[in-house]
């Protein structure tokens, strides 16, 4: 099950990444500030490191937790006989896990030490599909530990966990895409999935905009919990991407990315406070 889940995730990652890379060439939303070469080397390099780190430190990961919960019959959803309602239980698990990821994202903005780690994602001076896999290894490990705890508490089925992780990975690349969608399509899609224009607001240098639109996959939590912002004040083409104080070419290199949490706090603004 574990090796099969890894193969599924890798295969779908490759397909979505290729589709997004092509779509960004055909219909780009914004002009790039930097070439793909060095940026993509760094962003994809840190994604590869993250995969290796998780495999070494937490080899079973969230799917392993689901297999244990299923075997030992623990977790909330395992308290109820599902039978033919297993599909409904899986949908509940996927939605609940998405809420957990939303709340985790808010927490990484609210706690200064966590913001230092998460900030590496935001200092990417451009915004495209590779930004969706640009996360510090510390954040990835902490996120996986939280997902393992959530999967155990929910008693989520292994299939639901695999589906959730595939969706999260795919929608993260989609929502970070430098992709111009027709206005009507964007407006309709925002009811069911976070679109690139919606999430790009979250990568604005403007503090109120950075602390909005936290969703990666489902947009509902931003609507329900008051963190939704429809558009950046400067418009999609006029907005500035990144974090003030960290907007140079120095933020592109892999070594600089890994060392970023050790850097000075200039330009950092976790939710609700200034550094």
C-alpha atoms as a PDB file:
ATOM      1  CA  UNK A   1       0.000   0.000   0.000  1.00  0.00           C
ATOM      2  CA  UNK A   2       2.746   2.479   0.945  1.00  0.00           C
ATOM      3  CA  UNK A   3       4.823   1.909  -2.195  1.00  0.00           C
ATOM      4  CA  UNK A   4       1.684   2.022  -4.344  1.00  0.00           C
ATOM      5  CA  UNK A   5       0.599   5.319  -2.771  1.00  0.00           C
ATOM      6  CA  UNK A   6       4.037   6.822  -3.402  1.00  0.00           C
ATOM      7  CA  UNK A   7       3.917   5.749  -7.055  1.00  0.00           C
ATOM      8  CA  UNK A   8       0.426   7.235  -7.494  1.00  0.00           C
ATOM      9  CA  UNK A   9       1.499  10.536  -5.968  1.00  0.00           C
ATOM     10  CA  UNK A  10       4.650  10.736  -8.083  1.00  0.00           C
ATOM     11  CA  UNK A  11       2.797   9.896 -11.280  1.00  0.00           C
ATOM     12  CA  UNK A  12       0.050  12.451 -10.732  1.00  0.00           C
ATOM     13  CA  UNK A  13       2.619  15.050  -9.625  1.00  0.00           C
ATOM     14  CA  UNK A  14       4.489  14.593 -12.911  1.00  0.00           C
ATOM     15  CA  UNK A  15       1.295  14.854 -14.983  1.00  0.00           C
ATOM     16  CA  UNK A  16      -0.016  17.961 -13.185  1.00  0.00           C
ATOM     17  CA  UNK A  17       3.384  19.636 -13.220  1.00  0.00           C
ATOM     18  CA  UNK A  18       3.808  19.034 -16.948  1.00  0.00           C
ATOM     19  CA  UNK A  19       0.278  20.275 -17.693  1.00  0.00           C
ATOM     20  CA  UNK A  20       0.780  23.424 -15.605  1.00  0.00           C
ATOM     21  CA  UNK A  21       4.210  24.149 -17.076  1.00  0.00           C
ATOM     22  CA  UNK A  22       2.736  24.012 -20.584  1.00  0.00           C
ATOM     23  CA  UNK A  23      -0.352  26.032 -19.623  1.00  0.00           C
ATOM     24  CA  UNK A  24       1.825  28.762 -18.098  1.00  0.00           C
ATOM     25  CA  UNK A  25       3.624  29.142 -21.413  1.00  0.00           C
ATOM     26  CA  UNK A  26       0.390  29.247 -23.430  1.00  0.00           C
ATOM     27  CA  UNK A  27      -1.595  31.557 -21.117  1.00  0.00           C
ATOM     28  CA  UNK A  28       0.622  33.340 -18.568  1.00  0.00           C
ATOM     29  CA  UNK A  29      -1.104  35.679 -16.109  1.00  0.00           C
ATOM     30  CA  UNK A  30       1.904  37.868 -15.336  1.00  0.00           C
ATOM     31  CA  UNK A  31       5.334  38.519 -16.807  1.00  0.00           C
ATOM     32  CA  UNK A  32       8.139  36.680 -15.041  1.00  0.00           C
ATOM     33  CA  UNK A  33      10.705  38.674 -13.104  1.00  0.00           C
ATOM     34  CA  UNK A  34      13.251  35.856 -13.259  1.00  0.00           C
ATOM     35  CA  UNK A  35      14.018  33.088 -15.721  1.00  0.00           C
ATOM     36  CA  UNK A  36      12.809  29.567 -15.042  1.00  0.00           C
ATOM     37  CA  UNK A  37      16.248  27.952 -14.949  1.00  0.00           C
ATOM     38  CA  UNK A  38      17.660  28.955 -11.563  1.00  0.00           C
ATOM     39  CA  UNK A  39      14.302  29.420  -9.863  1.00  0.00           C
ATOM     40  CA  UNK A  40      12.990  26.035 -10.909  1.00  0.00           C
ATOM     41  CA  UNK A  41      16.285  24.354  -9.954  1.00  0.00           C
ATOM     42  CA  UNK A  42      15.939  25.722  -6.433  1.00  0.00           C
ATOM     43  CA  UNK A  43      12.195  25.148  -6.022  1.00  0.00           C
ATOM     44  CA  UNK A  44      12.202  21.627  -7.437  1.00  0.00           C
ATOM     45  CA  UNK A  45      15.436  20.888  -5.597  1.00  0.00           C
ATOM     46  CA  UNK A  46      13.888  21.683  -2.222  1.00  0.00           C
ATOM     47  CA  UNK A  47      10.835  19.597  -3.159  1.00  0.00           C
ATOM     48  CA  UNK A  48      13.129  16.628  -3.839  1.00  0.00           C
ATOM     49  CA  UNK A  49      14.893  17.176  -0.501  1.00  0.00           C
ATOM     50  CA  UNK A  50      11.525  17.278   1.264  1.00  0.00           C
ATOM     51  CA  UNK A  51      10.515  13.959  -0.259  1.00  0.00           C
ATOM     52  CA  UNK A  52      13.796  12.382   0.861  1.00  0.00           C
ATOM     53  CA  UNK A  53      13.557  13.848   4.384  1.00  0.00           C
ATOM     54  CA  UNK A  54      10.024  12.518   4.895  1.00  0.00           C
ATOM     55  CA  UNK A  55      11.024   9.092   3.568  1.00  0.00           C
ATOM     56  CA  UNK A  56      13.944   8.946   6.038  1.00  0.00           C
ATOM     57  CA  UNK A  57      12.342  10.475   9.147  1.00  0.00           C
ATOM     58  CA  UNK A  58       8.710   9.383   8.743  1.00  0.00           C
ATOM     59  CA  UNK A  59       8.715   6.519   6.227  1.00  0.00           C
ATOM     60  CA  UNK A  60       5.119   5.441   6.831  1.00  0.00           C
ATOM     61  CA  UNK A  61       3.791   9.021   6.916  1.00  0.00           C
ATOM     62  CA  UNK A  62       0.039   9.723   6.923  1.00  0.00           C
ATOM     63  CA  UNK A  63      -0.923   6.640   4.888  1.00  0.00           C
ATOM     64  CA  UNK A  64       0.881   4.475   7.434  1.00  0.00           C
ATOM     65  CA  UNK A  65      -1.116   6.113  10.233  1.00  0.00           C
ATOM     66  CA  UNK A  66      -4.318   5.334   8.330  1.00  0.00           C
ATOM     67  CA  UNK A  67      -3.298   1.687   7.928  1.00  0.00           C
ATOM     68  CA  UNK A  68      -2.621   1.401  11.668  1.00  0.00           C
ATOM     69  CA  UNK A  69      -5.950   3.083  12.510  1.00  0.00           C
ATOM     70  CA  UNK A  70      -7.753   0.683  10.184  1.00  0.00           C
ATOM     71  CA  UNK A  71      -5.976  -2.360  11.611  1.00  0.00           C
ATOM     72  CA  UNK A  72      -6.463  -1.398  15.269  1.00  0.00           C
ATOM     73  CA  UNK A  73      -9.899   0.134  14.710  1.00  0.00           C
ATOM     74  CA  UNK A  74      -9.328   3.515  16.348  1.00  0.00           C
ATOM     75  CA  UNK A  75     -10.246   7.062  15.396  1.00  0.00           C
ATOM     76  CA  UNK A  76     -13.604   8.841  15.180  1.00  0.00           C
ATOM     77  CA  UNK A  77     -14.794   7.444  11.857  1.00  0.00           C
ATOM     78  CA  UNK A  78     -13.960   3.889  12.915  1.00  0.00           C
ATOM     79  CA  UNK A  79     -16.492   4.211  15.737  1.00  0.00           C
ATOM     80  CA  UNK A  80     -19.343   4.085  13.235  1.00  0.00           C
ATOM     81  CA  UNK A  81     -20.272   1.203  10.940  1.00  0.00           C
ATOM     82  CA  UNK A  82     -19.891   2.596   7.431  1.00  0.00           C
ATOM     83  CA  UNK A  83     -20.622  -0.303   5.082  1.00  0.00           C
ATOM     84  CA  UNK A  84     -22.060   1.110   1.901  1.00  0.00           C
ATOM     85  CA  UNK A  85     -21.566   4.606   3.348  1.00  0.00           C
ATOM     86  CA  UNK A  86     -17.773   4.287   3.210  1.00  0.00           C
ATOM     87  CA  UNK A  87     -17.636   6.761   0.320  1.00  0.00           C
ATOM     88  CA  UNK A  88     -19.389   9.364   2.470  1.00  0.00           C
ATOM     89  CA  UNK A  89     -16.986   8.676   5.355  1.00  0.00           C
ATOM     90  CA  UNK A  90     -14.046   9.131   2.996  1.00  0.00           C
ATOM     91  CA  UNK A  91     -15.448  12.462   1.784  1.00  0.00           C
ATOM     92  CA  UNK A  92     -15.816  13.622   5.399  1.00  0.00           C
ATOM     93  CA  UNK A  93     -12.218  12.612   6.092  1.00  0.00           C
ATOM     94  CA  UNK A  94     -10.903  14.497   3.056  1.00  0.00           C
ATOM     95  CA  UNK A  95     -12.836  17.657   3.964  1.00  0.00           C
ATOM     96  CA  UNK A  96     -11.735  17.438   7.612  1.00  0.00           C
ATOM     97  CA  UNK A  97      -8.094  17.003   6.623  1.00  0.00           C
ATOM     98  CA  UNK A  98      -8.356  20.012   4.346  1.00  0.00           C
ATOM     99  CA  UNK A  99      -9.621  22.069   7.290  1.00  0.00           C
ATOM    100  CA  UNK A 100      -6.642  20.876   9.333  1.00  0.00           C
ATOM    101  CA  UNK A 101      -4.256  22.065   6.599  1.00  0.00           C
ATOM    102  CA  UNK A 102      -6.043  25.438   6.452  1.00  0.00           C
ATOM    103  CA  UNK A 103      -5.720  25.879  10.231  1.00  0.00           C
ATOM    104  CA  UNK A 104      -2.082  24.798  10.083  1.00  0.00           C
ATOM    105  CA  UNK A 105      -1.444  27.451   7.447  1.00  0.00           C
ATOM    106  CA  UNK A 106      -3.005  30.131   9.646  1.00  0.00           C
ATOM    107  CA  UNK A 107      -0.891  28.906  12.576  1.00  0.00           C
ATOM    108  CA  UNK A 108       2.298  29.187  10.512  1.00  0.00           C
ATOM    109  CA  UNK A 109       1.446  32.854   9.956  1.00  0.00           C
ATOM    110  CA  UNK A 110       0.420  33.497  13.570  1.00  0.00           C
ATOM    111  CA  UNK A 111       3.376  32.018  15.495  1.00  0.00           C
ATOM    112  CA  UNK A 112       6.630  33.960  14.919  1.00  0.00           C
ATOM    113  CA  UNK A 113       8.935  30.921  15.037  1.00  0.00           C
ATOM    114  CA  UNK A 114       6.747  29.045  12.570  1.00  0.00           C
ATOM    115  CA  UNK A 115       6.453  32.123  10.373  1.00  0.00           C
ATOM    116  CA  UNK A 116      10.270  32.219  10.080  1.00  0.00           C
ATOM    117  CA  UNK A 117      10.098  28.706   8.595  1.00  0.00           C
ATOM    118  CA  UNK A 118       7.044  29.298   6.410  1.00  0.00           C
ATOM    119  CA  UNK A 119       8.367  32.649   5.189  1.00  0.00           C
ATOM    120  CA  UNK A 120      10.710  30.797   2.805  1.00  0.00           C
ATOM    121  CA  UNK A 121       7.629  29.887   0.771  1.00  0.00           C
ATOM    122  CA  UNK A 122       6.622  33.548   0.515  1.00  0.00           C
ATOM    123  CA  UNK A 123       9.979  35.038  -0.439  1.00  0.00           C
ATOM    124  CA  UNK A 124       9.901  33.408  -3.864  1.00  0.00           C
ATOM    125  CA  UNK A 125      10.193  36.578  -5.997  1.00  0.00           C
ATOM    126  CA  UNK A 126       7.979  35.070  -8.707  1.00  0.00           C
ATOM    127  CA  UNK A 127       4.747  33.084  -8.490  1.00  0.00           C
ATOM    128  CA  UNK A 128       4.256  29.978 -10.592  1.00  0.00           C
ATOM    129  CA  UNK A 129       3.477  26.289 -10.237  1.00  0.00           C
ATOM    130  CA  UNK A 130       6.883  25.537  -8.656  1.00  0.00           C
ATOM    131  CA  UNK A 131       6.043  27.942  -5.820  1.00  0.00           C
ATOM    132  CA  UNK A 132       3.444  25.328  -4.868  1.00  0.00           C
ATOM    133  CA  UNK A 133       6.185  22.859  -3.918  1.00  0.00           C
ATOM    134  CA  UNK A 134       8.604  25.397  -2.394  1.00  0.00           C
ATOM    135  CA  UNK A 135       8.409  24.688   1.351  1.00  0.00           C
ATOM    136  CA  UNK A 136      11.158  24.397   3.948  1.00  0.00           C
ATOM    137  CA  UNK A 137      11.920  20.814   5.086  1.00  0.00           C
ATOM    138  CA  UNK A 138      11.147  21.789   8.693  1.00  0.00           C
ATOM    139  CA  UNK A 139       7.663  22.895   7.648  1.00  0.00           C
ATOM    140  CA  UNK A 140       7.123  19.688   5.685  1.00  0.00           C
ATOM    141  CA  UNK A 141       8.091  17.508   8.661  1.00  0.00           C
ATOM    142  CA  UNK A 142       5.910  19.497  11.078  1.00  0.00           C
ATOM    143  CA  UNK A 143       3.027  19.382   8.612  1.00  0.00           C
ATOM    144  CA  UNK A 144       3.372  15.624   8.183  1.00  0.00           C
ATOM    145  CA  UNK A 145       3.388  15.076  11.957  1.00  0.00           C
ATOM    146  CA  UNK A 146       0.206  17.138  12.232  1.00  0.00           C
ATOM    147  CA  UNK A 147      -1.426  15.159   9.401  1.00  0.00           C
ATOM    148  CA  UNK A 148      -0.462  11.878  11.066  1.00  0.00           C
ATOM    149  CA  UNK A 149      -2.121  13.043  14.296  1.00  0.00           C
ATOM    150  CA  UNK A 150      -5.230  14.206  12.396  1.00  0.00           C
ATOM    151  CA  UNK A 151      -5.470  10.954  10.421  1.00  0.00           C
ATOM    152  CA  UNK A 152      -5.222   8.937  13.643  1.00  0.00           C
ATOM    153  CA  UNK A 153      -7.821  11.063  15.436  1.00  0.00           C
ATOM    154  CA  UNK A 154     -10.223  10.837  12.485  1.00  0.00           C
ATOM    155  CA  UNK A 155      -9.600   7.178  11.729  1.00  0.00           C
ATOM    156  CA  UNK A 156      -9.391   8.169   8.061  1.00  0.00           C
ATOM    157  CA  UNK A 157      -9.254   5.249   5.627  1.00  0.00           C
ATOM    158  CA  UNK A 158      -5.980   4.740   3.713  1.00  0.00           C
ATOM    159  CA  UNK A 159      -7.706   5.396   0.384  1.00  0.00           C
ATOM    160  CA  UNK A 160      -9.083   8.690   1.666  1.00  0.00           C
ATOM    161  CA  UNK A 161      -5.623   9.766   2.836  1.00  0.00           C
ATOM    162  CA  UNK A 162      -4.033   8.911  -0.506  1.00  0.00           C
ATOM    163  CA  UNK A 163      -6.798  10.820  -2.309  1.00  0.00           C
ATOM    164  CA  UNK A 164      -6.387  13.816  -0.015  1.00  0.00           C
ATOM    165  CA  UNK A 165      -2.612  13.976  -0.452  1.00  0.00           C
ATOM    166  CA  UNK A 166      -2.897  13.655  -4.237  1.00  0.00           C
ATOM    167  CA  UNK A 167      -5.528  16.427  -4.329  1.00  0.00           C
ATOM    168  CA  UNK A 168      -3.534  18.680  -2.015  1.00  0.00           C
ATOM    169  CA  UNK A 169      -0.376  18.287  -4.060  1.00  0.00           C
ATOM    170  CA  UNK A 170      -2.169  18.834  -7.373  1.00  0.00           C
ATOM    171  CA  UNK A 171      -4.236  21.806  -6.221  1.00  0.00           C
ATOM    172  CA  UNK A 172      -1.185  23.431  -4.624  1.00  0.00           C
ATOM    173  CA  UNK A 173       0.548  23.421  -8.017  1.00  0.00           C
ATOM    174  CA  UNK A 174      -2.655  24.655  -9.693  1.00  0.00           C
ATOM    175  CA  UNK A 175      -3.398  27.425  -7.180  1.00  0.00           C
ATOM    176  CA  UNK A 176       0.177  28.719  -7.469  1.00  0.00           C
ATOM    177  CA  UNK A 177       0.112  28.665 -11.260  1.00  0.00           C
ATOM    178  CA  UNK A 178       1.024  31.680 -13.363  1.00  0.00           C
ATOM    179  CA  UNK A 179      -2.089  30.911 -15.348  1.00  0.00           C
ATOM    180  CA  UNK A 180      -4.645  33.284 -16.862  1.00  0.00           C
ATOM    181  CA  UNK A 181      -8.124  31.795 -16.533  1.00  0.00           C
ATOM    182  CA  UNK A 182     -11.178  33.396 -18.172  1.00  0.00           C
ATOM    183  CA  UNK A 183     -12.885  35.656 -15.627  1.00  0.00           C
ATOM    184  CA  UNK A 184     -16.132  33.671 -15.666  1.00  0.00           C
ATOM    185  CA  UNK A 185     -14.294  30.354 -15.224  1.00  0.00           C
ATOM    186  CA  UNK A 186     -12.313  31.773 -12.300  1.00  0.00           C
ATOM    187  CA  UNK A 187     -15.476  33.073 -10.650  1.00  0.00           C
ATOM    188  CA  UNK A 188     -17.211  29.687 -10.940  1.00  0.00           C
ATOM    189  CA  UNK A 189     -14.182  27.628  -9.913  1.00  0.00           C
ATOM    190  CA  UNK A 190     -13.760  29.669  -6.721  1.00  0.00           C
ATOM    191  CA  UNK A 191     -16.822  27.909  -5.324  1.00  0.00           C
ATOM    192  CA  UNK A 192     -15.093  24.526  -5.356  1.00  0.00           C
ATOM    193  CA  UNK A 193     -11.320  25.030  -5.564  1.00  0.00           C
ATOM    194  CA  UNK A 194      -8.739  27.718  -4.860  1.00  0.00           C
ATOM    195  CA  UNK A 195      -7.786  29.364  -8.157  1.00  0.00           C
ATOM    196  CA  UNK A 196      -4.440  30.988  -9.037  1.00  0.00           C
ATOM    197  CA  UNK A 197      -5.920  34.508  -8.918  1.00  0.00           C
ATOM    198  CA  UNK A 198      -7.430  33.779  -5.513  1.00  0.00           C
ATOM    199  CA  UNK A 199      -4.265  32.404  -3.949  1.00  0.00           C
ATOM    200  CA  UNK A 200      -1.919  34.911  -5.596  1.00  0.00           C
ATOM    201  CA  UNK A 201      -3.423  37.530  -3.271  1.00  0.00           C
ATOM    202  CA  UNK A 202      -1.883  35.584  -0.386  1.00  0.00           C
ATOM    203  CA  UNK A 203       1.589  36.168  -1.874  1.00  0.00           C
ATOM    204  CA  UNK A 204       1.252  39.961  -1.962  1.00  0.00           C
ATOM    205  CA  UNK A 205       3.735  42.160  -0.086  1.00  0.00           C
ATOM    206  CA  UNK A 206       0.754  43.936   1.508  1.00  0.00           C
ATOM    207  CA  UNK A 207       0.336  42.552   5.024  1.00  0.00           C
ATOM    208  CA  UNK A 208      -3.483  42.359   5.031  1.00  0.00           C
ATOM    209  CA  UNK A 209      -3.372  40.515   1.730  1.00  0.00           C
ATOM    210  CA  UNK A 210      -0.639  38.114   2.847  1.00  0.00           C
ATOM    211  CA  UNK A 211      -2.818  37.222   5.823  1.00  0.00           C
ATOM    212  CA  UNK A 212      -5.795  36.228   3.680  1.00  0.00           C
ATOM    213  CA  UNK A 213      -6.772  33.390   1.328  1.00  0.00           C
ATOM    214  CA  UNK A 214      -5.017  30.641   3.291  1.00  0.00           C
ATOM    215  CA  UNK A 215      -6.664  27.744   1.472  1.00  0.00           C
ATOM    216  CA  UNK A 216      -4.693  25.489  -0.879  1.00  0.00           C
ATOM    217  CA  UNK A 217      -7.441  23.142  -2.019  1.00  0.00           C
ATOM    218  CA  UNK A 218     -10.962  24.029  -0.828  1.00  0.00           C
ATOM    219  CA  UNK A 219     -11.878  27.749  -0.701  1.00  0.00           C
ATOM    220  CA  UNK A 220     -14.716  27.312   1.793  1.00  0.00           C
ATOM    221  CA  UNK A 221     -12.698  27.891   4.979  1.00  0.00           C
ATOM    222  CA  UNK A 222     -11.626  31.358   3.843  1.00  0.00           C
ATOM    223  CA  UNK A 223     -15.264  32.237   3.115  1.00  0.00           C
ATOM    224  CA  UNK A 224     -16.599  30.829   6.380  1.00  0.00           C
ATOM    225  CA  UNK A 225     -13.843  32.075   8.703  1.00  0.00           C
ATOM    226  CA  UNK A 226     -13.495  35.589   7.308  1.00  0.00           C
ATOM    227  CA  UNK A 227     -10.067  35.317   5.684  1.00  0.00           C
ATOM    228  CA  UNK A 228     -11.218  35.672   2.073  1.00  0.00           C
ATOM    229  CA  UNK A 229     -10.076  38.613  -0.057  1.00  0.00           C
ATOM    230  CA  UNK A 230     -11.336  38.680  -3.645  1.00  0.00           C
ATOM    231  CA  UNK A 231      -8.573  40.746  -5.261  1.00  0.00           C
ATOM    232  CA  UNK A 232      -5.355  42.566  -4.318  1.00  0.00           C
ATOM    233  CA  UNK A 233      -5.686  46.325  -3.964  1.00  0.00           C
ATOM    234  CA  UNK A 234      -3.201  46.912  -6.800  1.00  0.00           C
ATOM    235  CA  UNK A 235      -4.848  44.379  -9.092  1.00  0.00           C
ATOM    236  CA  UNK A 236      -3.506  41.049 -10.290  1.00  0.00           C
ATOM    237  CA  UNK A 237      -1.060  42.654 -12.723  1.00  0.00           C
ATOM    238  CA  UNK A 238      -0.035  45.554 -10.484  1.00  0.00           C
ATOM    239  CA  UNK A 239       0.490  43.690  -7.198  1.00  0.00           C
ATOM    240  CA  UNK A 240       3.998  43.002  -5.902  1.00  0.00           C
ATOM    241  CA  UNK A 241       4.887  39.406  -5.058  1.00  0.00           C
ATOM    242  CA  UNK A 242       7.007  38.435  -2.055  1.00  0.00           C
ATOM    243  CA  UNK A 243       8.062  39.854   1.299  1.00  0.00           C
ATOM    244  CA  UNK A 244       9.614  43.300   1.753  1.00  0.00           C
ATOM    245  CA  UNK A 245      13.282  42.955   2.621  1.00  0.00           C
ATOM    246  CA  UNK A 246      13.559  39.576   0.879  1.00  0.00           C
ATOM    247  CA  UNK A 247      12.847  40.301  -2.773  1.00  0.00           C
ATOM    248  CA  UNK A 248      16.208  39.918  -4.497  1.00  0.00           C
ATOM    249  CA  UNK A 249      17.778  37.185  -6.588  1.00  0.00           C
ATOM    250  CA  UNK A 250      19.404  35.902  -3.375  1.00  0.00           C
ATOM    251  CA  UNK A 251      16.120  34.201  -2.488  1.00  0.00           C
ATOM    252  CA  UNK A 252      16.307  31.851  -5.487  1.00  0.00           C
ATOM    253  CA  UNK A 253      19.296  29.653  -4.605  1.00  0.00           C
ATOM    254  CA  UNK A 254      18.769  26.337  -2.856  1.00  0.00           C
ATOM    255  CA  UNK A 255      21.287  26.995  -0.066  1.00  0.00           C
ATOM    256  CA  UNK A 256      19.747  30.391   0.672  1.00  0.00           C
ATOM    257  CA  UNK A 257      16.308  28.784   0.778  1.00  0.00           C
ATOM    258  CA  UNK A 258      17.384  26.134   3.291  1.00  0.00           C
ATOM    259  CA  UNK A 259      19.148  28.730   5.471  1.00  0.00           C
ATOM    260  CA  UNK A 260      16.294  31.238   5.303  1.00  0.00           C
ATOM    261  CA  UNK A 261      14.832  30.635   8.819  1.00  0.00           C
ATOM    262  CA  UNK A 262      18.201  31.680  10.290  1.00  0.00           C
ATOM    263  CA  UNK A 263      18.112  35.080   8.638  1.00  0.00           C
ATOM    264  CA  UNK A 264      17.110  38.347  10.282  1.00  0.00           C
ATOM    265  CA  UNK A 265      13.435  38.998  10.875  1.00  0.00           C
ATOM    266  CA  UNK A 266      13.307  42.121   8.689  1.00  0.00           C
ATOM    267  CA  UNK A 267      10.157  42.142   6.639  1.00  0.00           C
ATOM    268  CA  UNK A 268       8.460  39.397   8.638  1.00  0.00           C
ATOM    269  CA  UNK A 269       4.924  40.008   9.806  1.00  0.00           C
ATOM    270  CA  UNK A 270       3.165  37.028  11.341  1.00  0.00           C
ATOM    271  CA  UNK A 271      -0.595  37.243  11.686  1.00  0.00           C
ATOM    272  CA  UNK A 272      -1.691  39.946  14.112  1.00  0.00           C
ATOM    273  CA  UNK A 273       1.722  41.349  15.027  1.00  0.00           C
ATOM    274  CA  UNK A 274       4.864  43.001  13.688  1.00  0.00           C
ATOM    275  CA  UNK A 275       8.476  41.809  14.123  1.00  0.00           C
END
